[in-house]
All heavy atoms as atom14 arrays in JSON, in Angstrom:
{
  "sequence": "NDSGFINVRCTTSMHPRRFNVIGDLNTNTGNMRLYSDGKWVSANKLGI",
  "atom14_mask": [
    [1, 1, 1, 1, 1, 1, 1, 1, 0, 0, 0, 0, 0, 0],
    [1, 1, 1, 1, 1, 1, 1, 1, 0, 0, 0, 0, 0, 0],
    [1, 1, 1, 1, 1, 1, 0, 0, 0, 0, 0, 0, 0, 0],
    [1, 1, 1, 1, 0, 0, 0, 0, 0, 0, 0, 0, 0, 0],
    [1, 1, 1, 1, 1, 1, 1, 1, 1, 1, 1, 0, 0, 0],
    [1, 1, 1, 1, 1, 1, 1, 1, 0, 0, 0, 0, 0, 0],
    [1, 1, 1, 1, 1, 1, 1, 1, 0, 0, 0, 0, 0, 0],
    [1, 1, 1, 1, 1, 1, 1, 0, 0, 0, 0, 0, 0, 0],
    [1, 1, 1, 1, 1, 1, 1, 1, 1, 1, 1, 0, 0, 0],
    [1, 1, 1, 1, 1, 1, 0, 0, 0, 0, 0, 0, 0, 0],
    [1, 1, 1, 1, 1, 1, 1, 0, 0, 0, 0, 0, 0, 0],
    [1, 1, 1, 1, 1, 1, 1, 0, 0, 0, 0, 0, 0, 0],
    [1, 1, 1, 1, 1, 1, 0, 0, 0, 0, 0, 0, 0, 0],
    [1, 1, 1, 1, 1, 1, 1, 1, 0, 0, 0, 0, 0, 0],
    [1, 1, 1, 1, 1, 1, 1, 1, 1, 1, 0, 0, 0, 0],
    [1, 1, 1, 1, 1, 1, 1, 0, 0, 0, 0, 0, 0, 0],
    [1, 1, 1, 1, 1, 1, 1, 1, 1, 1, 1, 0, 0, 0],
    [1, 1, 1, 1, 1, 1, 1, 1, 1, 1, 1, 0, 0, 0],
    [1, 1, 1, 1, 1, 1, 1, 1, 1, 1, 1, 0, 0, 0],
    [1, 1, 1, 1, 1, 1, 1, 1, 0, 0, 0, 0, 0, 0],
    [1, 1, 1, 1, 1, 1, 1, 0, 0, 0, 0, 0, 0, 0],
    [1, 1, 1, 1, 1, 1, 1, 1, 0, 0, 0, 0, 0, 0],
    [1, 1, 1, 1, 0, 0, 0, 0, 0, 0, 0, 0, 0, 0],
    [1, 1, 1, 1, 1, 1, 1, 1, 0, 0, 0, 0, 0, 0],
    [1, 1, 1, 1, 1, 1, 1, 1, 0, 0, 0, 0, 0, 0],
    [1, 1, 1, 1, 1, 1, 1, 1, 0, 0, 0, 0, 0, 0],
    [1, 1, 1, 1, 1, 1, 1, 0, 0, 0, 0, 0, 0, 0],
    [1, 1, 1, 1, 1, 1, 1, 1, 0, 0, 0, 0, 0, 0],
    [1, 1, 1, 1, 1, 1, 1, 0, 0, 0, 0, 0, 0, 0],
    [1, 1, 1, 1, 0, 0, 0, 0, 0, 0, 0, 0, 0, 0],
    [1, 1, 1, 1, 1, 1, 1, 1, 0, 0, 0, 0, 0, 0],
    [1, 1, 1, 1, 1, 1, 1, 1, 0, 0, 0, 0, 0, 0],
    [1, 1, 1, 1, 1, 1, 1, 1, 1, 1, 1, 0, 0, 0],
    [1, 1, 1, 1, 1, 1, 1, 1, 0, 0, 0, 0, 0, 0],
    [1, 1, 1, 1, 1, 1, 1, 1, 1, 1, 1, 1, 0, 0],
    [1, 1, 1, 1, 1, 1, 0, 0, 0, 0, 0, 0, 0, 0],
    [1, 1, 1, 1, 1, 1, 1, 1, 0, 0, 0, 0, 0, 0],
    [1, 1, 1, 1, 0, 0, 0, 0, 0, 0, 0, 0, 0, 0],
    [1, 1, 1, 1, 1, 1, 1, 1, 1, 0, 0, 0, 0, 0],
    [1, 1, 1, 1, 1, 1, 1, 1, 1, 1, 1, 1, 1, 1],
    [1, 1, 1, 1, 1, 1, 1, 0, 0, 0, 0, 0, 0, 0],
    [1, 1, 1, 1, 1, 1, 0, 0, 0, 0, 0, 0, 0, 0],
    [1, 1, 1, 1, 1, 0, 0, 0, 0, 0, 0, 0, 0, 0],
    [1, 1, 1, 1, 1, 1, 1, 1, 0, 0, 0, 0, 0, 0],
    [1, 1, 1, 1, 1, 1, 1, 1, 1, 0, 0, 0, 0, 0],
    [1, 1, 1, 1, 1, 1, 1, 1, 0, 0, 0, 0, 0, 0],
    [1, 1, 1, 1, 0, 0, 0, 0, 0, 0, 0, 0, 0, 0],
    [1, 1, 1, 1, 1, 1, 1, 1, 0, 0, 0, 0, 0, 0]
  ],
  "atom14_positions": [
    [[0.77, -1.23, 0.03], [-0.04, -0.03, 0.0], [0.85, 1.26, -0.01], [0.32, 2.33, 0.34], [-0.97, -0.02, 1.16], [-0.24, -0.06, 2.53], [0.97, -0.02, 2.57], [-0.98, -0.13, 3.62], [0.0, 0.0, 0.0], [0.0, 0.0, 0.0], [0.0, 0.0, 0.0], [0.0, 0.0, 0.0], [0.0, 0.0, 0.0], [0.0, 0.0, 0.0]],
    [[2.08, 1.21, -0.35], [2.97, 2.39, -0.38], [3.06, 3.13, 0.95], [3.25, 4.37, 0.96], [2.53, 3.36, -1.52], [2.75, 2.78, -2.87], [3.71, 2.02, -3.06], [1.95, 3.03, -3.77], [0.0, 0.0, 0.0], [0.0, 0.0, 0.0], [0.0, 0.0, 0.0], [0.0, 0.0, 0.0], [0.0, 0.0, 0.0], [0.0, 0.0, 0.0]],
    [[2.94, 2.45, 2.06], [2.99, 3.09, 3.36], [4.4, 3.33, 3.78], [4.63, 4.12, 4.72], [2.32, 2.18, 4.44], [3.04, 0.98, 4.55], [0.0, 0.0, 0.0], [0.0, 0.0, 0.0], [0.0, 0.0, 0.0], [0.0, 0.0, 0.0], [0.0, 0.0, 0.0], [0.0, 0.0, 0.0], [0.0, 0.0, 0.0], [0.0, 0.0, 0.0]],
    [[5.38, 2.73, 3.1], [6.76, 2.84, 3.53], [7.12, 1.79, 4.57], [8.31, 1.68, 4.95], [0.0, 0.0, 0.0], [0.0, 0.0, 0.0], [0.0, 0.0, 0.0], [0.0, 0.0, 0.0], [0.0, 0.0, 0.0], [0.0, 0.0, 0.0], [0.0, 0.0, 0.0], [0.0, 0.0, 0.0], [0.0, 0.0, 0.0], [0.0, 0.0, 0.0]],
    [[6.2, 1.05, 5.07], [6.43, 0.02, 6.03], [6.94, -1.23, 5.34], [6.68, -1.47, 4.2], [5.21, -0.34, 6.81], [4.71, 0.7, 7.8], [5.28, 1.98, 7.89], [3.68, 0.37, 8.68], [4.83, 2.87, 8.78], [3.26, 1.31, 9.59], [3.82, 2.56, 9.66], [0.0, 0.0, 0.0], [0.0, 0.0, 0.0], [0.0, 0.0, 0.0]],
    [[7.7, -2.05, 6.07], [8.16, -3.33, 5.54], [7.85, -4.45, 6.57], [7.68, -4.2, 7.77], [9.64, -3.33, 5.2], [10.49, -3.06, 6.43], [9.92, -2.34, 4.12], [11.98, -3.28, 6.15], [0.0, 0.0, 0.0], [0.0, 0.0, 0.0], [0.0, 0.0, 0.0], [0.0, 0.0, 0.0], [0.0, 0.0, 0.0], [0.0, 0.0, 0.0]],
    [[7.81, -5.67, 6.07], [7.65, -6.86, 6.88], [8.95, -7.67, 6.64], [9.58, -7.57, 5.61], [6.46, -7.67, 6.51], [5.17, -7.05, 6.88], [5.09, -6.29, 7.84], [4.15, -7.31, 6.1], [0.0, 0.0, 0.0], [0.0, 0.0, 0.0], [0.0, 0.0, 0.0], [0.0, 0.0, 0.0], [0.0, 0.0, 0.0], [0.0, 0.0, 0.0]],
    [[9.27, -8.52, 7.61], [10.37, -9.45, 7.45], [9.75, -10.82, 7.49], [9.1, -11.19, 8.45], [11.45, -9.3, 8.55], [12.5, -10.33, 8.37], [12.03, -7.89, 8.49], [0.0, 0.0, 0.0], [0.0, 0.0, 0.0], [0.0, 0.0, 0.0], [0.0, 0.0, 0.0], [0.0, 0.0, 0.0], [0.0, 0.0, 0.0], [0.0, 0.0, 0.0]],
    [[9.94, -11.55, 6.39], [9.3, -12.89, 6.15], [10.25, -14.0, 6.3], [11.4, -13.9, 5.81], [8.71, -12.83, 4.73], [7.99, -14.08, 4.37], [7.4, -13.91, 2.97], [6.31, -12.92, 3.12], [5.65, -12.39, 2.08], [6.0, -12.72, 0.87], [4.7, -11.54, 2.32], [0.0, 0.0, 0.0], [0.0, 0.0, 0.0], [0.0, 0.0, 0.0]],
    [[9.81, -15.04, 6.97], [10.6, -16.29, 7.09], [10.21, -17.17, 5.91], [9.06, -17.61, 5.8], [10.27, -17.0, 8.4], [11.08, -18.59, 8.59], [0.0, 0.0, 0.0], [0.0, 0.0, 0.0], [0.0, 0.0, 0.0], [0.0, 0.0, 0.0], [0.0, 0.0, 0.0], [0.0, 0.0, 0.0], [0.0, 0.0, 0.0], [0.0, 0.0, 0.0]],
    [[11.17, -17.37, 5.02], [10.87, -18.12, 3.77], [10.76, -19.62, 3.97], [10.27, -20.33, 3.11], [11.95, -17.86, 2.73], [13.23, -18.26, 3.25], [12.02, -16.39, 2.35], [0.0, 0.0, 0.0], [0.0, 0.0, 0.0], [0.0, 0.0, 0.0], [0.0, 0.0, 0.0], [0.0, 0.0, 0.0], [0.0, 0.0, 0.0], [0.0, 0.0, 0.0]],
    [[11.14, -20.1, 5.15], [11.05, -21.51, 5.44], [9.94, -21.86, 6.44], [9.96, -22.97, 7.0], [12.4, -22.04, 5.96], [12.81, -21.31, 7.07], [13.51, -21.91, 4.9], [0.0, 0.0, 0.0], [0.0, 0.0, 0.0], [0.0, 0.0, 0.0], [0.0, 0.0, 0.0], [0.0, 0.0, 0.0], [0.0, 0.0, 0.0], [0.0, 0.0, 0.0]],
    [[9.02, -20.95, 6.67], [7.94, -21.16, 7.62], [7.15, -22.39, 7.3], [6.72, -22.55, 6.13], [7.05, -19.93, 7.71], [5.97, -20.17, 8.55], [0.0, 0.0, 0.0], [0.0, 0.0, 0.0], [0.0, 0.0, 0.0], [0.0, 0.0, 0.0], [0.0, 0.0, 0.0], [0.0, 0.0, 0.0], [0.0, 0.0, 0.0], [0.0, 0.0, 0.0]],
    [[6.84, -23.18, 8.27], [5.99, -24.37, 8.11], [4.57, -24.09, 8.66], [3.73, -24.91, 8.64], [6.59, -25.58, 8.8], [7.99, -25.96, 8.31], [8.03, -26.36, 6.58], [7.42, -27.98, 6.61], [0.0, 0.0, 0.0], [0.0, 0.0, 0.0], [0.0, 0.0, 0.0], [0.0, 0.0, 0.0], [0.0, 0.0, 0.0], [0.0, 0.0, 0.0]],
    [[4.43, -22.92, 9.22], [3.14, -22.53, 9.82], [2.11, -22.29, 8.75], [2.42, -21.73, 7.67], [3.32, -21.24, 10.62], [2.2, -20.92, 11.54], [1.06, -20.3, 11.11], [2.01, -21.13, 12.86], [0.22, -20.16, 12.09], [0.78, -20.67, 13.16], [0.0, 0.0, 0.0], [0.0, 0.0, 0.0], [0.0, 0.0, 0.0], [0.0, 0.0, 0.0]],
    [[0.88, -22.79, 8.91], [-0.12, -22.73, 7.83], [-0.58, -21.29, 7.5], [-1.01, -21.04, 6.38], [-1.32, -23.55, 8.37], [-1.12, -23.61, 9.84], [0.35, -23.51, 10.05], [0.0, 0.0, 0.0], [0.0, 0.0, 0.0], [0.0, 0.0, 0.0], [0.0, 0.0, 0.0], [0.0, 0.0, 0.0], [0.0, 0.0, 0.0], [0.0, 0.0, 0.0]],
    [[-0.47, -20.37, 8.45], [-1.02, -19.03, 8.19], [-0.04, -17.9, 8.53], [-0.35, -16.7, 8.29], [-2.27, -18.79, 9.0], [-3.39, -19.73, 8.61], [-4.69, -19.43, 9.26], [-4.54, -18.78, 10.57], [-5.56, -18.43, 11.31], [-6.76, -18.65, 10.91], [-5.34, -17.84, 12.47], [0.0, 0.0, 0.0], [0.0, 0.0, 0.0], [0.0, 0.0, 0.0]],
    [[1.1, -18.15, 9.12], [1.97, -17.03, 9.49], [3.38, -17.28, 8.98], [3.9, -18.38, 9.1], [2.02, -16.88, 11.05], [2.77, -15.65, 11.49], [2.59, -15.37, 12.96], [3.35, -16.23, 13.79], [4.64, -16.05, 14.13], [5.28, -15.02, 13.64], [5.22, -16.9, 14.92], [0.0, 0.0, 0.0], [0.0, 0.0, 0.0], [0.0, 0.0, 0.0]],
    [[3.96, -16.26, 8.42], [5.34, -16.37, 7.91], [6.13, -15.12, 8.24], [7.35, -15.14, 8.15], [5.38, -16.61, 6.41], [4.36, -15.79, 5.65], [4.69, -14.47, 5.25], [3.12, -16.29, 5.33], [3.75, -13.7, 4.59], [2.22, -15.54, 4.62], [2.51, -14.23, 4.27], [0.0, 0.0, 0.0], [0.0, 0.0, 0.0], [0.0, 0.0, 0.0]],
    [[5.54, -14.04, 8.69], [6.28, -12.82, 9.05], [6.84, -12.95, 10.48], [6.22, -13.47, 11.36], [5.43, -11.58, 8.97], [5.1, -11.16, 7.57], [5.83, -11.51, 6.69], [4.04, -10.41, 7.37], [0.0, 0.0, 0.0], [0.0, 0.0, 0.0], [0.0, 0.0, 0.0], [0.0, 0.0, 0.0], [0.0, 0.0, 0.0], [0.0, 0.0, 0.0]],
    [[8.1, -12.5, 10.7], [8.69, -12.49, 12.02], [8.83, -11.04, 12.51], [8.94, -10.81, 13.71], [10.05, -13.19, 12.04], [9.91, -14.68, 11.81], [11.03, -12.62, 11.0], [0.0, 0.0, 0.0], [0.0, 0.0, 0.0], [0.0, 0.0, 0.0], [0.0, 0.0, 0.0], [0.0, 0.0, 0.0], [0.0, 0.0, 0.0], [0.0, 0.0, 0.0]],
    [[8.76, -10.08, 11.63], [8.68, -8.66, 12.01], [7.57, -8.07, 11.15], [7.55, -8.29, 9.91], [9.98, -7.86, 11.78], [11.08, -8.38, 12.67], [9.75, -6.34, 11.98], [12.42, -7.67, 12.49], [0.0, 0.0, 0.0], [0.0, 0.0, 0.0], [0.0, 0.0, 0.0], [0.0, 0.0, 0.0], [0.0, 0.0, 0.0], [0.0, 0.0, 0.0]],
    [[6.65, -7.36, 11.76], [5.57, -6.75, 11.03], [5.63, -5.23, 11.15], [6.05, -4.71, 12.19], [0.0, 0.0, 0.0], [0.0, 0.0, 0.0], [0.0, 0.0, 0.0], [0.0, 0.0, 0.0], [0.0, 0.0, 0.0], [0.0, 0.0, 0.0], [0.0, 0.0, 0.0], [0.0, 0.0, 0.0], [0.0, 0.0, 0.0], [0.0, 0.0, 0.0]],
    [[5.18, -4.56, 10.09], [5.02, -3.08, 10.09], [6.24, -2.32, 10.6], [6.1, -1.42, 11.4], [3.77, -2.71, 10.94], [2.49, -3.31, 10.48], [2.43, -3.72, 9.27], [1.54, -3.44, 11.26], [0.0, 0.0, 0.0], [0.0, 0.0, 0.0], [0.0, 0.0, 0.0], [0.0, 0.0, 0.0], [0.0, 0.0, 0.0], [0.0, 0.0, 0.0]],
    [[7.4, -2.67, 10.12], [8.6, -1.89, 10.46], [8.55, -0.56, 9.74], [8.49, -0.47, 8.51], [9.87, -2.67, 10.02], [11.2, -1.91, 10.19], [11.46, -1.51, 11.61], [12.35, -2.73, 9.6], [0.0, 0.0, 0.0], [0.0, 0.0, 0.0], [0.0, 0.0, 0.0], [0.0, 0.0, 0.0], [0.0, 0.0, 0.0], [0.0, 0.0, 0.0]],
    [[8.47, 0.49, 10.52], [8.51, 1.88, 10.02], [10.01, 2.25, 9.89], [10.67, 2.47, 10.91], [7.74, 2.78, 10.97], [7.74, 4.23, 10.44], [8.59, 4.67, 9.74], [6.69, 4.92, 10.87], [0.0, 0.0, 0.0], [0.0, 0.0, 0.0], [0.0, 0.0, 0.0], [0.0, 0.0, 0.0], [0.0, 0.0, 0.0], [0.0, 0.0, 0.0]],
    [[10.48, 2.36, 8.7], [11.92, 2.62, 8.51], [12.32, 4.03, 8.88], [13.54, 4.31, 8.96], [12.31, 2.28, 7.04], [11.52, 3.08, 6.22], [12.13, 0.83, 6.75], [0.0, 0.0, 0.0], [0.0, 0.0, 0.0], [0.0, 0.0, 0.0], [0.0, 0.0, 0.0], [0.0, 0.0, 0.0], [0.0, 0.0, 0.0], [0.0, 0.0, 0.0]],
    [[11.36, 4.91, 9.06], [11.71, 6.27, 9.5], [11.9, 6.35, 10.99], [12.68, 7.16, 11.5], [10.63, 7.27, 9.06], [10.59, 7.41, 7.58], [11.6, 7.39, 6.91], [9.36, 7.5, 7.05], [0.0, 0.0, 0.0], [0.0, 0.0, 0.0], [0.0, 0.0, 0.0], [0.0, 0.0, 0.0], [0.0, 0.0, 0.0], [0.0, 0.0, 0.0]],
    [[11.14, 5.57, 11.76], [11.22, 5.63, 13.24], [11.84, 4.4, 13.87], [12.26, 4.49, 15.05], [9.78, 5.8, 13.82], [9.02, 4.63, 13.53], [9.12, 7.02, 13.27], [0.0, 0.0, 0.0], [0.0, 0.0, 0.0], [0.0, 0.0, 0.0], [0.0, 0.0, 0.0], [0.0, 0.0, 0.0], [0.0, 0.0, 0.0], [0.0, 0.0, 0.0]],
    [[11.84, 3.27, 13.19], [12.35, 2.01, 13.76], [11.33, 1.26, 14.52], [11.61, 0.23, 15.09], [0.0, 0.0, 0.0], [0.0, 0.0, 0.0], [0.0, 0.0, 0.0], [0.0, 0.0, 0.0], [0.0, 0.0, 0.0], [0.0, 0.0, 0.0], [0.0, 0.0, 0.0], [0.0, 0.0, 0.0], [0.0, 0.0, 0.0], [0.0, 0.0, 0.0]],
    [[10.09, 1.77, 14.63], [9.01, 1.06, 15.34], [8.6, -0.13, 14.58], [8.55, -0.12, 13.3], [7.82, 2.0, 15.59], [8.12, 3.13, 16.54], [9.02, 2.96, 17.37], [7.42, 4.23, 16.41], [0.0, 0.0, 0.0], [0.0, 0.0, 0.0], [0.0, 0.0, 0.0], [0.0, 0.0, 0.0], [0.0, 0.0, 0.0], [0.0, 0.0, 0.0]],
    [[8.21, -1.21, 15.24], [7.83, -2.44, 14.58], [6.96, -3.28, 15.5], [6.87, -2.99, 16.69], [9.04, -3.25, 14.19], [9.8, -3.86, 15.38], [11.42, -4.4, 15.02], [12.3, -2.85, 15.02], [0.0, 0.0, 0.0], [0.0, 0.0, 0.0], [0.0, 0.0, 0.0], [0.0, 0.0, 0.0], [0.0, 0.0, 0.0], [0.0, 0.0, 0.0]],
    [[6.37, -4.3, 14.95], [5.62, -5.27, 15.72], [6.29, -6.65, 15.68], [6.83, -7.03, 14.63], [4.16, -5.42, 15.2], [3.4, -4.07, 15.29], [1.98, -4.26, 14.81], [1.27, -3.05, 14.8], [0.71, -2.47, 15.88], [0.81, -3.0, 17.07], [0.07, -1.35, 15.79], [0.0, 0.0, 0.0], [0.0, 0.0, 0.0], [0.0, 0.0, 0.0]],
    [[6.26, -7.32, 16.78], [6.77, -8.68, 16.88], [5.64, -9.6, 17.35], [4.71, -9.17, 18.05], [7.94, -8.76, 17.88], [9.14, -7.87, 17.53], [10.11, -7.81, 18.69], [9.83, -8.32, 16.28], [0.0, 0.0, 0.0], [0.0, 0.0, 0.0], [0.0, 0.0, 0.0], [0.0, 0.0, 0.0], [0.0, 0.0, 0.0], [0.0, 0.0, 0.0]],
    [[5.7, -10.84, 17.04], [4.66, -11.84, 17.38], [4.9, -12.39, 18.74], [5.98, -12.86, 19.04], [4.62, -12.95, 16.34], [3.28, -13.63, 16.27], [2.24, -13.03, 15.63], [3.13, -14.9, 16.82], [0.98, -13.64, 15.56], [1.93, -15.54, 16.71], [0.85, -14.92, 16.11], [-0.38, -15.54, 16.02], [0.0, 0.0, 0.0], [0.0, 0.0, 0.0]],
    [[3.87, -12.25, 19.61], [4.05, -12.68, 20.98], [2.67, -13.21, 21.48], [1.66, -12.51, 21.43], [4.48, -11.54, 21.89], [4.52, -11.9, 23.23], [0.0, 0.0, 0.0], [0.0, 0.0, 0.0], [0.0, 0.0, 0.0], [0.0, 0.0, 0.0], [0.0, 0.0, 0.0], [0.0, 0.0, 0.0], [0.0, 0.0, 0.0], [0.0, 0.0, 0.0]],
    [[2.65, -14.42, 21.99], [1.46, -15.02, 22.56], [0.23, -14.93, 21.67], [-0.84, -14.55, 22.12], [1.16, -14.41, 23.92], [2.23, -14.68, 24.95], [2.84, -15.78, 24.89], [2.51, -13.81, 25.8], [0.0, 0.0, 0.0], [0.0, 0.0, 0.0], [0.0, 0.0, 0.0], [0.0, 0.0, 0.0], [0.0, 0.0, 0.0], [0.0, 0.0, 0.0]],
    [[0.42, -15.23, 20.39], [-0.69, -15.33, 19.49], [-1.17, -14.0, 18.85], [-2.17, -13.97, 18.21], [0.0, 0.0, 0.0], [0.0, 0.0, 0.0], [0.0, 0.0, 0.0], [0.0, 0.0, 0.0], [0.0, 0.0, 0.0], [0.0, 0.0, 0.0], [0.0, 0.0, 0.0], [0.0, 0.0, 0.0], [0.0, 0.0, 0.0], [0.0, 0.0, 0.0]],
    [[-0.39, -12.94, 19.11], [-0.78, -11.65, 18.5], [0.41, -10.76, 18.22], [1.48, -11.02, 18.73], [-1.79, -10.9, 19.37], [-1.25, -10.56, 20.73], [-2.28, -9.99, 21.66], [-1.63, -9.77, 23.03], [-2.54, -9.96, 24.12], [0.0, 0.0, 0.0], [0.0, 0.0, 0.0], [0.0, 0.0, 0.0], [0.0, 0.0, 0.0], [0.0, 0.0, 0.0]],
    [[0.2, -9.78, 17.35], [1.29, -8.81, 17.0], [1.3, -7.75, 18.05], [0.27, -7.14, 18.38], [1.05, -8.23, 15.64], [1.33, -9.24, 14.54], [0.36, -9.98, 13.93], [2.56, -9.61, 14.07], [1.0, -10.8, 13.0], [2.33, -10.63, 13.07], [3.9, -9.28, 14.33], [3.37, -11.22, 12.37], [4.89, -9.88, 13.62], [4.67, -10.86, 12.67]],
    [[2.49, -7.46, 18.64], [2.67, -6.5, 19.72], [3.84, -5.56, 19.4], [4.85, -6.01, 18.81], [2.92, -7.2, 21.06], [3.08, -6.23, 22.22], [1.85, -8.25, 21.38], [0.0, 0.0, 0.0], [0.0, 0.0, 0.0], [0.0, 0.0, 0.0], [0.0, 0.0, 0.0], [0.0, 0.0, 0.0], [0.0, 0.0, 0.0], [0.0, 0.0, 0.0]],
    [[3.7, -4.3, 19.77], [4.8, -3.36, 19.57], [6.05, -3.87, 20.28], [6.0, -4.28, 21.44], [4.38, -2.02, 20.08], [5.49, -1.18, 20.24], [0.0, 0.0, 0.0], [0.0, 0.0, 0.0], [0.0, 0.0, 0.0], [0.0, 0.0, 0.0], [0.0, 0.0, 0.0], [0.0, 0.0, 0.0], [0.0, 0.0, 0.0], [0.0, 0.0, 0.0]],
    [[7.2, -3.75, 19.58], [8.44, -4.16, 20.23], [8.69, -3.3, 21.46], [9.25, -3.8, 22.47], [9.57, -3.99, 19.24], [0.0, 0.0, 0.0], [0.0, 0.0, 0.0], [0.0, 0.0, 0.0], [0.0, 0.0, 0.0], [0.0, 0.0, 0.0], [0.0, 0.0, 0.0], [0.0, 0.0, 0.0], [0.0, 0.0, 0.0], [0.0, 0.0, 0.0]],
    [[8.27, -2.04, 21.47], [8.43, -1.17, 22.61], [7.67, -1.68, 23.83], [8.11, -1.67, 24.93], [8.04, 0.26, 22.3], [9.0, 0.92, 21.35], [10.17, 0.59, 21.31], [8.5, 1.85, 20.57], [0.0, 0.0, 0.0], [0.0, 0.0, 0.0], [0.0, 0.0, 0.0], [0.0, 0.0, 0.0], [0.0, 0.0, 0.0], [0.0, 0.0, 0.0]],
    [[6.37, -2.18, 23.61], [5.58, -2.73, 24.67], [6.2, -3.95, 25.26], [6.05, -4.25, 26.41], [4.17, -3.02, 24.18], [3.3, -1.79, 24.09], [1.88, -2.18, 23.82], [0.99, -0.94, 23.74], [-0.4, -1.24, 23.48], [0.0, 0.0, 0.0], [0.0, 0.0, 0.0], [0.0, 0.0, 0.0], [0.0, 0.0, 0.0], [0.0, 0.0, 0.0]],
    [[6.92, -4.69, 24.41], [7.61, -5.89, 24.89], [8.92, -5.55, 25.56], [9.56, -6.42, 26.13], [7.88, -6.86, 23.69], [6.65, -7.46, 23.05], [7.04, -8.17, 21.76], [5.96, -8.44, 24.02], [0.0, 0.0, 0.0], [0.0, 0.0, 0.0], [0.0, 0.0, 0.0], [0.0, 0.0, 0.0], [0.0, 0.0, 0.0], [0.0, 0.0, 0.0]],
    [[9.31, -4.29, 25.51], [10.59, -3.87, 26.12], [11.81, -4.23, 25.3], [12.91, -4.25, 25.82], [0.0, 0.0, 0.0], [0.0, 0.0, 0.0], [0.0, 0.0, 0.0], [0.0, 0.0, 0.0], [0.0, 0.0, 0.0], [0.0, 0.0, 0.0], [0.0, 0.0, 0.0], [0.0, 0.0, 0.0], [0.0, 0.0, 0.0], [0.0, 0.0, 0.0]],
    [[11.6, -4.48, 24.03], [12.71, -4.92, 23.15], [13.08, -3.65, 22.32], [12.31, -3.28, 21.41], [12.29, -6.09, 22.27], [11.91, -7.25, 23.15], [13.33, -6.48, 21.28], [11.3, -8.42, 22.42], [0.0, 0.0, 0.0], [0.0, 0.0, 0.0], [0.0, 0.0, 0.0], [0.0, 0.0, 0.0], [0.0, 0.0, 0.0], [0.0, 0.0, 0.0]]
  ]
}
């Protein structure tokens, strides 16, 4: 969608519905989402 965001995809994922390991990386700010306990969570909220 030309948002400027990127995802990081695991090309060897065996999961039936999930292959991203980093979601919505904003390259201007460095903010991103990581997968934790079944949902996408801000890396900042995780303290990472």
